[in-house]
C-alpha atoms as a PDB file:
ATOM      1  CA  MET A   1     -16.290 -13.803 -27.584  1.00  0.00           C
ATOM      2  CA  GLY A   2     -18.313 -11.175 -25.751  1.00  0.00           C
ATOM      3  CA  LYS A   3     -16.978  -8.976 -23.000  1.00  0.00           C
ATOM      4  CA  SER A   4     -19.300 -10.554 -20.432  1.00  0.00           C
ATOM      5  CA  THR A   5     -17.879 -13.952 -21.306  1.00  0.00           C
ATOM      6  CA  GLU A   6     -14.332 -12.648 -20.885  1.00  0.00           C
ATOM      7  CA  ILE A   7     -15.223 -11.213 -17.473  1.00  0.00           C
ATOM      8  CA  ALA A   8     -16.819 -14.499 -16.385  1.00  0.00           C
ATOM      9  CA  ARG A   9     -13.761 -16.476 -17.500  1.00  0.00           C
ATOM     10  CA  ALA A  10     -11.472 -14.133 -15.578  1.00  0.00           C
ATOM     11  CA  LYS A  11     -13.615 -14.547 -12.455  1.00  0.00           C
ATOM     12  CA  ALA A  12     -13.495 -18.332 -12.835  1.00  0.00           C
ATOM     13  CA  ARG A  13      -9.719 -18.214 -13.243  1.00  0.00           C
ATOM     14  CA  ARG A  14      -9.447 -16.016 -10.144  1.00  0.00           C
ATOM     15  CA  LEU A  15     -11.518 -18.546  -8.192  1.00  0.00           C
ATOM     16  CA  LYS A  16      -9.248 -21.340  -9.426  1.00  0.00           C
ATOM     17  CA  GLY A  17      -6.267 -19.345  -8.124  1.00  0.00           C
ATOM     18  CA  MET A  18      -7.968 -18.886  -4.760  1.00  0.00           C
ATOM     19  CA  ILE A  19      -8.546 -22.621  -4.496  1.00  0.00           C
ATOM     20  CA  LYS A  20      -4.937 -23.341  -5.437  1.00  0.00           C
ATOM     21  CA  GLU A  21      -3.721 -20.852  -2.829  1.00  0.00           C
ATOM     22  CA  SER A  22      -5.924 -22.363  -0.104  1.00  0.00           C
ATOM     23  CA  ASP A  23      -4.750 -25.863  -1.034  1.00  0.00           C
ATOM     24  CA  GLY A  24      -1.172 -24.613  -0.726  1.00  0.00           C
ATOM     25  CA  ILE A  25      -1.960 -23.232   2.713  1.00  0.00           C
ATOM     26  CA  ALA A  26      -3.560 -26.510   3.806  1.00  0.00           C
ATOM     27  CA  LEU A  27      -0.676 -28.575   2.432  1.00  0.00           C
ATOM     28  CA  GLU A  28       1.963 -26.093   3.613  1.00  0.00           C
ATOM     29  CA  ASP A  29       3.205 -25.866   0.022  1.00  0.00           C
ATOM     30  CA  GLU A  30       4.720 -22.419  -0.586  1.00  0.00           C
ATOM     31  CA  ARG A  31       5.064 -22.978  -4.337  1.00  0.00           C
ATOM     32  CA  MET A  32       1.381 -23.830  -4.719  1.00  0.00           C
ATOM     33  CA  LYS A  33       0.390 -20.772  -2.668  1.00  0.00           C
ATOM     34  CA  ALA A  34       2.554 -18.541  -4.873  1.00  0.00           C
ATOM     35  CA  GLU A  35       1.108 -20.042  -8.059  1.00  0.00           C
ATOM     36  CA  GLY A  36      -2.394 -19.403  -6.754  1.00  0.00           C
ATOM     37  CA  ARG A  37      -1.619 -15.789  -5.928  1.00  0.00           C
ATOM     38  CA  LYS A  38      -0.033 -15.272  -9.350  1.00  0.00           C
ATOM     39  CA  GLU A  39      -3.055 -16.761 -11.097  1.00  0.00           C
ATOM     40  CA  GLN A  40      -5.371 -14.483  -9.112  1.00  0.00           C
ATOM     41  CA  ALA A  41      -3.350 -11.395 -10.035  1.00  0.00           C
ATOM     42  CA  GLU A  42      -3.352 -12.304 -13.725  1.00  0.00           C
ATOM     43  CA  ALA A  43      -7.097 -12.925 -13.647  1.00  0.00           C
ATOM     44  CA  ARG A  44      -7.716  -9.558 -11.953  1.00  0.00           C
ATOM     45  CA  ARG A  45      -5.783  -7.838 -14.758  1.00  0.00           C
ATOM     46  CA  GLU A  46      -7.735  -9.748 -17.418  1.00  0.00           C
ATOM     47  CA  GLU A  47     -11.017  -8.840 -15.752  1.00  0.00           C
ATOM     48  CA  ALA A  48     -10.061  -5.167 -15.506  1.00  0.00           C
ATOM     49  CA  LEU A  49      -9.108  -5.050 -19.187  1.00  0.00           C
ATOM     50  CA  ALA A  50     -12.373  -6.710 -20.201  1.00  0.00           C
ATOM     51  CA  ARG A  51     -14.359  -4.263 -18.058  1.00  0.00           C
ATOM     52  CA  GLU A  52     -12.510  -1.275 -19.558  1.00  0.00           C
ATOM     53  CA  SER A  53     -13.093  -2.601 -23.053  1.00  0.00           C
ATOM     54  CA  ARG A  54     -16.784  -3.144 -22.347  1.00  0.00           C
ATOM     55  CA  ALA A  55     -17.133   0.346 -20.889  1.00  0.00           C
ATOM     56  CA  ALA A  56     -15.366   1.878 -23.891  1.00  0.00           C
ATOM     57  CA  SER A  57     -17.659   0.069 -26.314  1.00  0.00           C
ATOM     58  CA  HIS A  58     -20.750   1.433 -24.510  1.00  0.00           C
ATOM     59  CA  ARG A  59     -19.701   5.069 -24.912  1.00  0.00           C
END
């Protein structure tokens, strides 16, 4: 899998987390909001790692 694909998947996962968080807000569900925030944080880390890896491979 290419680095661009990994970055795109991380962005999609972050979006999924944002949707889950907003659903939690709308439904007043604290657990769902927390899960959404956690998913977003994990996706940000994945995206950062993929970007670093891509940058290192271009050096």
